[in-house]
Amino acid sequence: AKEKELLNGLIGKLCKLDGLKINGAHQAPHILSLAIP
């Protein structure tokens, strides 16, 4: 629960950044794939 909350919080911050892409489903609580083309 803590990991999922942390990951969702990070995603919320990163979604606001222009030029960054989030890859894939990131359904697990501990994995996030990012891309900066």
PDB file of all heavy atoms in Angstrom:
ATOM      1  N   ALA A   1       0.841  -1.203   0.000  1.00  0.00           N
ATOM      2  CA  ALA A   1       0.000   0.000   0.000  1.00  0.00           C
ATOM      3  C   ALA A   1       0.872   1.249   0.000  1.00  0.00           C
ATOM      4  O   ALA A   1       0.604   2.217  -0.728  1.00  0.00           O
ATOM      5  CB  ALA A   1      -0.920   0.002   1.216  1.00  0.00           C
ATOM      6  N   LYS A   2       1.944   1.223   0.800  1.00  0.00           N
ATOM      7  CA  LYS A   2       2.865   2.352   0.851  1.00  0.00           C
ATOM      8  C   LYS A   2       3.568   2.542  -0.495  1.00  0.00           C
ATOM      9  O   LYS A   2       3.675   3.667  -1.002  1.00  0.00           O
ATOM     10  CB  LYS A   2       3.908   2.120   1.942  1.00  0.00           C
ATOM     11  CG  LYS A   2       5.018   3.151   1.964  1.00  0.00           C
ATOM     12  CD  LYS A   2       6.202   2.688   2.789  1.00  0.00           C
ATOM     13  CE  LYS A   2       7.418   3.583   2.584  1.00  0.00           C
ATOM     14  NZ  LYS A   2       8.628   3.077   3.241  1.00  0.00           N
ATOM     15  N   GLU A   3       4.034   1.450  -1.088  1.00  0.00           N
ATOM     16  CA  GLU A   3       4.734   1.537  -2.360  1.00  0.00           C
ATOM     17  C   GLU A   3       3.821   2.091  -3.454  1.00  0.00           C
ATOM     18  O   GLU A   3       4.241   2.926  -4.271  1.00  0.00           O
ATOM     19  CB  GLU A   3       5.273   0.160  -2.757  1.00  0.00           C
ATOM     20  CG  GLU A   3       6.429  -0.314  -1.897  1.00  0.00           C
ATOM     21  CD  GLU A   3       6.795  -1.770  -2.141  1.00  0.00           C
ATOM     22  OE1 GLU A   3       6.448  -2.304  -3.210  1.00  0.00           O
ATOM     23  OE2 GLU A   3       7.425  -2.373  -1.253  1.00  0.00           O
ATOM     24  N   LYS A   4       2.578   1.626  -3.475  1.00  0.00           N
ATOM     25  CA  LYS A   4       1.638   2.106  -4.499  1.00  0.00           C
ATOM     26  C   LYS A   4       1.348   3.590  -4.307  1.00  0.00           C
ATOM     27  O   LYS A   4       1.273   4.347  -5.294  1.00  0.00           O
ATOM     28  CB  LYS A   4       0.332   1.296  -4.433  1.00  0.00           C
ATOM     29  CG  LYS A   4      -0.534   1.468  -5.675  1.00  0.00           C
ATOM     30  CD  LYS A   4       0.187   0.959  -6.916  1.00  0.00           C
ATOM     31  CE  LYS A   4      -0.624   1.133  -8.189  1.00  0.00           C
ATOM     32  NZ  LYS A   4       0.119   0.729  -9.384  1.00  0.00           N
ATOM     33  N   GLU A   5       1.222   4.013  -3.065  1.00  0.00           N
ATOM     34  CA  GLU A   5       0.986   5.434  -2.797  1.00  0.00           C
ATOM     35  C   GLU A   5       2.175   6.273  -3.249  1.00  0.00           C
ATOM     36  O   GLU A   5       2.008   7.333  -3.861  1.00  0.00           O
ATOM     37  CB  GLU A   5       0.729   5.637  -1.308  1.00  0.00           C
ATOM     38  CG  GLU A   5       0.408   7.080  -0.932  1.00  0.00           C
ATOM     39  CD  GLU A   5       0.130   7.253   0.548  1.00  0.00           C
ATOM     40  OE1 GLU A   5       0.148   6.256   1.289  1.00  0.00           O
ATOM     41  OE2 GLU A   5      -0.104   8.415   0.965  1.00  0.00           O
ATOM     42  N   LEU A   6       3.381   5.788  -2.947  1.00  0.00           N
ATOM     43  CA  LEU A   6       4.587   6.508  -3.364  1.00  0.00           C
ATOM     44  C   LEU A   6       4.686   6.586  -4.887  1.00  0.00           C
ATOM     45  O   LEU A   6       4.996   7.640  -5.446  1.00  0.00           O
ATOM     46  CB  LEU A   6       5.827   5.815  -2.803  1.00  0.00           C
ATOM     47  CG  LEU A   6       6.110   5.973  -1.311  1.00  0.00           C
ATOM     48  CD1 LEU A   6       7.299   5.119  -0.894  1.00  0.00           C
ATOM     49  CD2 LEU A   6       6.358   7.438  -0.961  1.00  0.00           C
ATOM     50  N   LEU A   7       4.417   5.458  -5.554  1.00  0.00           N
ATOM     51  CA  LEU A   7       4.526   5.428  -7.008  1.00  0.00           C
ATOM     52  C   LEU A   7       3.479   6.343  -7.652  1.00  0.00           C
ATOM     53  O   LEU A   7       3.788   7.076  -8.599  1.00  0.00           O
ATOM     54  CB  LEU A   7       4.362   3.990  -7.511  1.00  0.00           C
ATOM     55  CG  LEU A   7       5.088   3.651  -8.810  1.00  0.00           C
ATOM     56  CD1 LEU A   7       6.592   3.772  -8.625  1.00  0.00           C
ATOM     57  CD2 LEU A   7       4.740   2.239  -9.261  1.00  0.00           C
ATOM     58  N   ASN A   8       2.258   6.313  -7.123  1.00  0.00           N
ATOM     59  CA  ASN A   8       1.213   7.189  -7.665  1.00  0.00           C
ATOM     60  C   ASN A   8       1.555   8.660  -7.458  1.00  0.00           C
ATOM     61  O   ASN A   8       1.279   9.502  -8.323  1.00  0.00           O
ATOM     62  CB  ASN A   8      -0.130   6.859  -7.016  1.00  0.00           C
ATOM     63  CG  ASN A   8      -0.719   5.552  -7.517  1.00  0.00           C
ATOM     64  OD1 ASN A   8      -0.359   5.075  -8.593  1.00  0.00           O
ATOM     65  ND2 ASN A   8      -1.611   4.961  -6.744  1.00  0.00           N
ATOM     66  N   GLY A   9       2.157   8.960  -6.308  1.00  0.00           N
ATOM     67  CA  GLY A   9       2.574  10.336  -6.057  1.00  0.00           C
ATOM     68  C   GLY A   9       3.643  10.786  -7.034  1.00  0.00           C
ATOM     69  O   GLY A   9       3.613  11.920  -7.536  1.00  0.00           O
ATOM     70  N   LEU A  10       4.597   9.893  -7.324  1.00  0.00           N
ATOM     71  CA  LEU A  10       5.649  10.210  -8.290  1.00  0.00           C
ATOM     72  C   LEU A  10       5.058  10.408  -9.681  1.00  0.00           C
ATOM     73  O   LEU A  10       5.413  11.366 -10.394  1.00  0.00           O
ATOM     74  CB  LEU A  10       6.689   9.092  -8.309  1.00  0.00           C
ATOM     75  CG  LEU A  10       7.815   9.229  -9.341  1.00  0.00           C
ATOM     76  CD1 LEU A  10       8.643  10.493  -9.071  1.00  0.00           C
ATOM     77  CD2 LEU A  10       8.703   7.985  -9.348  1.00  0.00           C
ATOM     78  N   ILE A  11       4.153   9.531 -10.068  1.00  0.00           N
ATOM     79  CA  ILE A  11       3.506   9.638 -11.381  1.00  0.00           C
ATOM     80  C   ILE A  11       2.772  10.967 -11.501  1.00  0.00           C
ATOM     81  O   ILE A  11       2.816  11.646 -12.538  1.00  0.00           O
ATOM     82  CB  ILE A  11       2.545   8.452 -11.603  1.00  0.00           C
ATOM     83  CG1 ILE A  11       3.338   7.153 -11.765  1.00  0.00           C
ATOM     84  CG2 ILE A  11       1.663   8.682 -12.824  1.00  0.00           C
ATOM     85  CD1 ILE A  11       2.485   5.904 -11.729  1.00  0.00           C
ATOM     86  N   GLY A  12       2.092  11.377 -10.418  1.00  0.00           N
ATOM     87  CA  GLY A  12       1.374  12.651 -10.424  1.00  0.00           C
ATOM     88  C   GLY A  12       2.293  13.828 -10.693  1.00  0.00           C
ATOM     89  O   GLY A  12       1.933  14.763 -11.436  1.00  0.00           O
ATOM     90  N   LYS A  13       3.491  13.786 -10.124  1.00  0.00           N
ATOM     91  CA  LYS A  13       4.463  14.859 -10.343  1.00  0.00           C
ATOM     92  C   LYS A  13       5.019  14.806 -11.772  1.00  0.00           C
ATOM     93  O   LYS A  13       5.139  15.834 -12.449  1.00  0.00           O
ATOM     94  CB  LYS A  13       5.610  14.745  -9.340  1.00  0.00           C
ATOM     95  CG  LYS A  13       5.236  15.059  -7.907  1.00  0.00           C
ATOM     96  CD  LYS A  13       6.430  14.907  -6.979  1.00  0.00           C
ATOM     97  CE  LYS A  13       6.066  15.167  -5.545  1.00  0.00           C
ATOM     98  NZ  LYS A  13       5.601  16.556  -5.306  1.00  0.00           N
ATOM     99  N   LEU A  14       5.354  13.604 -12.222  1.00  0.00           N
ATOM    100  CA  LEU A  14       6.008  13.454 -13.517  1.00  0.00           C
ATOM    101  C   LEU A  14       5.070  13.749 -14.676  1.00  0.00           C
ATOM    102  O   LEU A  14       5.513  14.196 -15.744  1.00  0.00           O
ATOM    103  CB  LEU A  14       6.587  12.050 -13.655  1.00  0.00           C
ATOM    104  CG  LEU A  14       7.699  11.686 -12.648  1.00  0.00           C
ATOM    105  CD1 LEU A  14       8.178  10.258 -12.884  1.00  0.00           C
ATOM    106  CD2 LEU A  14       8.865  12.659 -12.741  1.00  0.00           C
ATOM    107  N   CYS A  15       3.786  13.486 -14.500  1.00  0.00           N
ATOM    108  CA  CYS A  15       2.809  13.728 -15.573  1.00  0.00           C
ATOM    109  C   CYS A  15       2.729  15.206 -15.955  1.00  0.00           C
ATOM    110  O   CYS A  15       2.276  15.556 -17.055  1.00  0.00           O
ATOM    111  CB  CYS A  15       1.425  13.239 -15.143  1.00  0.00           C
ATOM    112  SG  CYS A  15       1.219  11.457 -15.257  1.00  0.00           S
ATOM    113  N   LYS A  16       3.162  16.066 -15.056  1.00  0.00           N
ATOM    114  CA  LYS A  16       3.112  17.503 -15.307  1.00  0.00           C
ATOM    115  C   LYS A  16       4.318  18.009 -16.096  1.00  0.00           C
ATOM    116  O   LYS A  16       4.366  19.171 -16.488  1.00  0.00           O
ATOM    117  CB  LYS A  16       3.017  18.255 -13.984  1.00  0.00           C
ATOM    118  CG  LYS A  16       1.783  17.912 -13.155  1.00  0.00           C
ATOM    119  CD  LYS A  16       1.830  18.582 -11.794  1.00  0.00           C
ATOM    120  CE  LYS A  16       0.637  18.170 -10.934  1.00  0.00           C
ATOM    121  NZ  LYS A  16       0.708  18.773  -9.573  1.00  0.00           N
ATOM    122  N   LEU A  17       5.306  17.127 -16.306  1.00  0.00           N
ATOM    123  CA  LEU A  17       6.548  17.543 -16.953  1.00  0.00           C
ATOM    124  C   LEU A  17       6.473  17.323 -18.460  1.00  0.00           C
ATOM    125  O   LEU A  17       6.198  16.213 -18.926  1.00  0.00           O
ATOM    126  CB  LEU A  17       7.728  16.762 -16.369  1.00  0.00           C
ATOM    127  CG  LEU A  17       7.933  16.895 -14.858  1.00  0.00           C
ATOM    128  CD1 LEU A  17       9.153  16.082 -14.429  1.00  0.00           C
ATOM    129  CD2 LEU A  17       8.080  18.356 -14.451  1.00  0.00           C
ATOM    130  N   ASP A  18       6.728  18.381 -19.210  1.00  0.00           N
ATOM    131  CA  ASP A  18       6.718  18.296 -20.666  1.00  0.00           C
ATOM    132  C   ASP A  18       7.992  17.620 -21.153  1.00  0.00           C
ATOM    133  O   ASP A  18       9.101  17.976 -20.730  1.00  0.00           O
ATOM    134  CB  ASP A  18       6.621  19.705 -21.254  1.00  0.00           C
ATOM    135  CG  ASP A  18       6.512  19.683 -22.766  1.00  0.00           C
ATOM    136  OD1 ASP A  18       5.853  18.770 -23.303  1.00  0.00           O
ATOM    137  OD2 ASP A  18       7.108  20.567 -23.407  1.00  0.00           O
ATOM    138  N   GLY A  19       7.836  16.612 -22.030  1.00  0.00           N
ATOM    139  CA  GLY A  19       8.993  15.920 -22.583  1.00  0.00           C
ATOM    140  C   GLY A  19       9.278  14.583 -21.939  1.00  0.00           C
ATOM    141  O   GLY A  19      10.209  13.886 -22.352  1.00  0.00           O
ATOM    142  N   LEU A  20       8.502  14.225 -20.943  1.00  0.00           N
ATOM    143  CA  LEU A  20       8.683  12.923 -20.276  1.00  0.00           C
ATOM    144  C   LEU A  20       7.488  12.031 -20.575  1.00  0.00           C
ATOM    145  O   LEU A  20       6.337  12.485 -20.552  1.00  0.00           O
ATOM    146  CB  LEU A  20       8.845  13.106 -18.774  1.00  0.00           C
ATOM    147  CG  LEU A  20       9.115  11.818 -17.995  1.00  0.00           C
ATOM    148  CD1 LEU A  20      10.188  12.048 -16.926  1.00  0.00           C
ATOM    149  CD2 LEU A  20       7.849  11.288 -17.328  1.00  0.00           C
ATOM    150  N   LYS A  21       7.749  10.767 -20.837  1.00  0.00           N
ATOM    151  CA  LYS A  21       6.692   9.802 -21.152  1.00  0.00           C
ATOM    152  C   LYS A  21       6.726   8.648 -20.154  1.00  0.00           C
ATOM    153  O   LYS A  21       7.803   8.177 -19.779  1.00  0.00           O
ATOM    154  CB  LYS A  21       6.876   9.250 -22.570  1.00  0.00           C
ATOM    155  CG  LYS A  21       5.781   8.303 -23.028  1.00  0.00           C
ATOM    156  CD  LYS A  21       6.055   7.810 -24.432  1.00  0.00           C
ATOM    157  CE  LYS A  21       4.899   6.973 -24.965  1.00  0.00           C
ATOM    158  NZ  LYS A  21       4.579   5.803 -24.121  1.00  0.00           N
ATOM    159  N   ILE A  22       5.561   8.221 -19.727  1.00  0.00           N
ATOM    160  CA  ILE A  22       5.442   7.040 -18.865  1.00  0.00           C
ATOM    161  C   ILE A  22       5.067   5.857 -19.733  1.00  0.00           C
ATOM    162  O   ILE A  22       4.075   5.907 -20.473  1.00  0.00           O
ATOM    163  CB  ILE A  22       4.406   7.267 -17.752  1.00  0.00           C
ATOM    164  CG1 ILE A  22       4.885   8.391 -16.820  1.00  0.00           C
ATOM    165  CG2 ILE A  22       4.165   5.985 -16.961  1.00  0.00           C
ATOM    166  CD1 ILE A  22       3.893   8.791 -15.759  1.00  0.00           C
ATOM    167  N   ASN A  23       5.863   4.789 -19.645  1.00  0.00           N
ATOM    168  CA  ASN A  23       5.644   3.607 -20.482  1.00  0.00           C
ATOM    169  C   ASN A  23       4.855   2.543 -19.731  1.00  0.00           C
ATOM    170  O   ASN A  23       5.089   2.307 -18.545  1.00  0.00           O
ATOM    171  CB  ASN A  23       6.986   2.984 -20.886  1.00  0.00           C
ATOM    172  CG  ASN A  23       7.884   3.947 -21.626  1.00  0.00           C
ATOM    173  OD1 ASN A  23       7.423   4.725 -22.455  1.00  0.00           O
ATOM    174  ND2 ASN A  23       9.186   3.893 -21.345  1.00  0.00           N
ATOM    175  N   GLY A  24       3.965   1.873 -20.431  1.00  0.00           N
ATOM    176  CA  GLY A  24       3.380   0.643 -19.923  1.00  0.00           C
ATOM    177  C   GLY A  24       2.335   0.822 -18.845  1.00  0.00           C
ATOM    178  O   GLY A  24       1.911   1.926 -18.507  1.00  0.00           O
ATOM    179  N   ALA A  25       1.945  -0.307 -18.281  1.00  0.00           N
ATOM    180  CA  ALA A  25       0.794  -0.366 -17.389  1.00  0.00           C
ATOM    181  C   ALA A  25       1.106   0.054 -15.960  1.00  0.00           C
ATOM    182  O   ALA A  25       0.220   0.517 -15.241  1.00  0.00           O
ATOM    183  CB  ALA A  25       0.226  -1.795 -17.393  1.00  0.00           C
ATOM    184  N   HIS A  26       2.341  -0.133 -15.504  1.00  0.00           N
ATOM    185  CA  HIS A  26       2.770   0.097 -14.117  1.00  0.00           C
ATOM    186  C   HIS A  26       1.686  -0.283 -13.090  1.00  0.00           C
ATOM    187  O   HIS A  26       1.340   0.477 -12.199  1.00  0.00           O
ATOM    188  CB  HIS A  26       3.271   1.538 -13.907  1.00  0.00           C
ATOM    189  CG  HIS A  26       2.289   2.624 -14.294  1.00  0.00           C
ATOM    190  ND1 HIS A  26       1.278   3.038 -13.477  1.00  0.00           N
ATOM    191  CD2 HIS A  26       2.196   3.385 -15.402  1.00  0.00           C
ATOM    192  CE1 HIS A  26       0.589   3.993 -14.052  1.00  0.00           C
ATOM    193  NE2 HIS A  26       1.141   4.239 -15.233  1.00  0.00           N
ATOM    194  N   GLN A  27       1.150  -1.517 -13.238  1.00  0.00           N
ATOM    195  CA  GLN A  27       0.118  -1.986 -12.318  1.00  0.00           C
ATOM    196  C   GLN A  27       0.701  -2.515 -11.008  1.00  0.00           C
ATOM    197  O   GLN A  27       0.058  -2.450  -9.965  1.00  0.00           O
ATOM    198  CB  GLN A  27      -0.699  -3.095 -13.003  1.00  0.00           C
ATOM    199  CG  GLN A  27      -1.474  -2.604 -14.216  1.00  0.00           C
ATOM    200  CD  GLN A  27      -1.716  -3.713 -15.236  1.00  0.00           C
ATOM    201  OE1 GLN A  27      -0.942  -4.664 -15.344  1.00  0.00           O
ATOM    202  NE2 GLN A  27      -2.772  -3.569 -16.017  1.00  0.00           N
ATOM    203  N   ALA A  28       1.909  -3.045 -11.068  1.00  0.00           N
ATOM    204  CA  ALA A  28       2.574  -3.508  -9.853  1.00  0.00           C
ATOM    205  C   ALA A  28       2.941  -2.291  -9.007  1.00  0.00           C
ATOM    206  O   ALA A  28       3.149  -1.194  -9.535  1.00  0.00           O
ATOM    207  CB  ALA A  28       3.827  -4.308 -10.208  1.00  0.00           C
ATOM    208  N   PRO A  29       3.062  -2.451  -7.693  1.00  0.00           N
ATOM    209  CA  PRO A  29       3.287  -1.288  -6.829  1.00  0.00           C
ATOM    210  C   PRO A  29       4.704  -0.758  -6.818  1.00  0.00           C
ATOM    211  O   PRO A  29       4.967   0.274  -6.202  1.00  0.00           O
ATOM    212  CB  PRO A  29       2.911  -1.838  -5.441  1.00  0.00           C
ATOM    213  CG  PRO A  29       3.236  -3.285  -5.516  1.00  0.00           C
ATOM    214  CD  PRO A  29       2.875  -3.695  -6.913  1.00  0.00           C
ATOM    215  N   HIS A  30       5.632  -1.432  -7.514  1.00  0.00           N
ATOM    216  CA  HIS A  30       7.042  -1.085  -7.317  1.00  0.00           C
ATOM    217  C   HIS A  30       7.821  -0.756  -8.585  1.00  0.00           C
ATOM    218  O   HIS A  30       9.005  -0.437  -8.499  1.00  0.00           O
ATOM    219  CB  HIS A  30       7.755  -2.231  -6.601  1.00  0.00           C
ATOM    220  CG  HIS A  30       7.775  -3.531  -7.352  1.00  0.00           C
ATOM    221  ND1 HIS A  30       6.629  -4.173  -7.779  1.00  0.00           N
ATOM    222  CD2 HIS A  30       8.804  -4.323  -7.752  1.00  0.00           C
ATOM    223  CE1 HIS A  30       6.956  -5.293  -8.387  1.00  0.00           C
ATOM    224  NE2 HIS A  30       8.265  -5.393  -8.399  1.00  0.00           N
ATOM    225  N   ILE A  31       7.186  -0.823  -9.772  1.00  0.00           N
ATOM    226  CA  ILE A  31       7.923  -0.648 -11.030  1.00  0.00           C
ATOM    227  C   ILE A  31       7.302   0.460 -11.867  1.00  0.00           C
ATOM    228  O   ILE A  31       6.093   0.497 -12.081  1.00  0.00           O
ATOM    229  CB  ILE A  31       7.936  -1.957 -11.846  1.00  0.00           C
ATOM    230  CG1 ILE A  31       8.646  -3.073 -11.067  1.00  0.00           C
ATOM    231  CG2 ILE A  31       8.614  -1.753 -13.198  1.00  0.00           C
ATOM    232  CD1 ILE A  31       8.568  -4.434 -11.735  1.00  0.00           C
ATOM    233  N   LEU A  32       8.171   1.353 -12.363  1.00  0.00           N
ATOM    234  CA  LEU A  32       7.727   2.433 -13.242  1.00  0.00           C
ATOM    235  C   LEU A  32       8.760   2.626 -14.348  1.00  0.00           C
ATOM    236  O   LEU A  32       9.940   2.832 -14.087  1.00  0.00           O
ATOM    237  CB  LEU A  32       7.575   3.736 -12.444  1.00  0.00           C
ATOM    238  CG  LEU A  32       7.057   4.951 -13.233  1.00  0.00           C
ATOM    239  CD1 LEU A  32       5.636   4.705 -13.732  1.00  0.00           C
ATOM    240  CD2 LEU A  32       7.111   6.200 -12.360  1.00  0.00           C
ATOM    241  N   SER A  33       8.297   2.567 -15.604  1.00  0.00           N
ATOM    242  CA  SER A  33       9.165   2.780 -16.760  1.00  0.00           C
ATOM    243  C   SER A  33       8.940   4.189 -17.294  1.00  0.00           C
ATOM    244  O   SER A  33       7.804   4.583 -17.571  1.00  0.00           O
ATOM    245  CB  SER A  33       8.878   1.748 -17.851  1.00  0.00           C
ATOM    246  OG  SER A  33       9.660   2.025 -19.002  1.00  0.00           O
ATOM    247  N   LEU A  34      10.029   4.951 -17.438  1.00  0.00           N
ATOM    248  CA  LEU A  34       9.967   6.326 -17.917  1.00  0.00           C
ATOM    249  C   LEU A  34      10.791   6.472 -19.187  1.00  0.00           C
ATOM    250  O   LEU A  34      11.729   5.702 -19.407  1.00  0.00           O
ATOM    251  CB  LEU A  34      10.521   7.284 -16.855  1.00  0.00           C
ATOM    252  CG  LEU A  34       9.871   7.217 -15.470  1.00  0.00           C
ATOM    253  CD1 LEU A  34      10.630   8.097 -14.496  1.00  0.00           C
ATOM    254  CD2 LEU A  34       8.407   7.622 -15.542  1.00  0.00           C
ATOM    255  N   ALA A  35      10.463   7.460 -19.986  1.00  0.00           N
ATOM    256  CA  ALA A  35      11.241   7.740 -21.191  1.00  0.00           C
ATOM    257  C   ALA A  35      11.358   9.231 -21.395  1.00  0.00           C
ATOM    258  O   ALA A  35      10.403   9.988 -21.183  1.00  0.00           O
ATOM    259  CB  ALA A  35      10.594   7.089 -22.412  1.00  0.00           C
ATOM    260  N   ILE A  36      12.557   9.659 -21.816  1.00  0.00           N
ATOM    261  CA  ILE A  36      12.790  11.033 -22.238  1.00  0.00           C
ATOM    262  C   ILE A  36      13.300  10.945 -23.678  1.00  0.00           C
ATOM    263  O   ILE A  36      14.504  10.776 -23.913  1.00  0.00           O
ATOM    264  CB  ILE A  36      13.801  11.742 -21.328  1.00  0.00           C
ATOM    265  CG1 ILE A  36      13.284  11.753 -19.886  1.00  0.00           C
ATOM    266  CG2 ILE A  36      14.046  13.169 -21.816  1.00  0.00           C
ATOM    267  CD1 ILE A  36      14.232  12.389 -18.893  1.00  0.00           C
ATOM    268  N   PRO A  37      12.387  10.969 -24.651  1.00  0.00           N
ATOM    269  CA  PRO A  37      12.797  10.878 -26.056  1.00  0.00           C
ATOM    270  C   PRO A  37      13.804  11.975 -26.394  1.00  0.00           C
ATOM    271  O   PRO A  37      13.605  13.143 -26.039  1.00  0.00           O
ATOM    272  CB  PRO A  37      11.485  11.057 -26.818  1.00  0.00           C
ATOM    273  CG  PRO A  37      10.423  10.620 -25.855  1.00  0.00           C
ATOM    274  CD  PRO A  37      10.915  11.066 -24.512  1.00  0.00           C
TER     275      PRO A  37
END
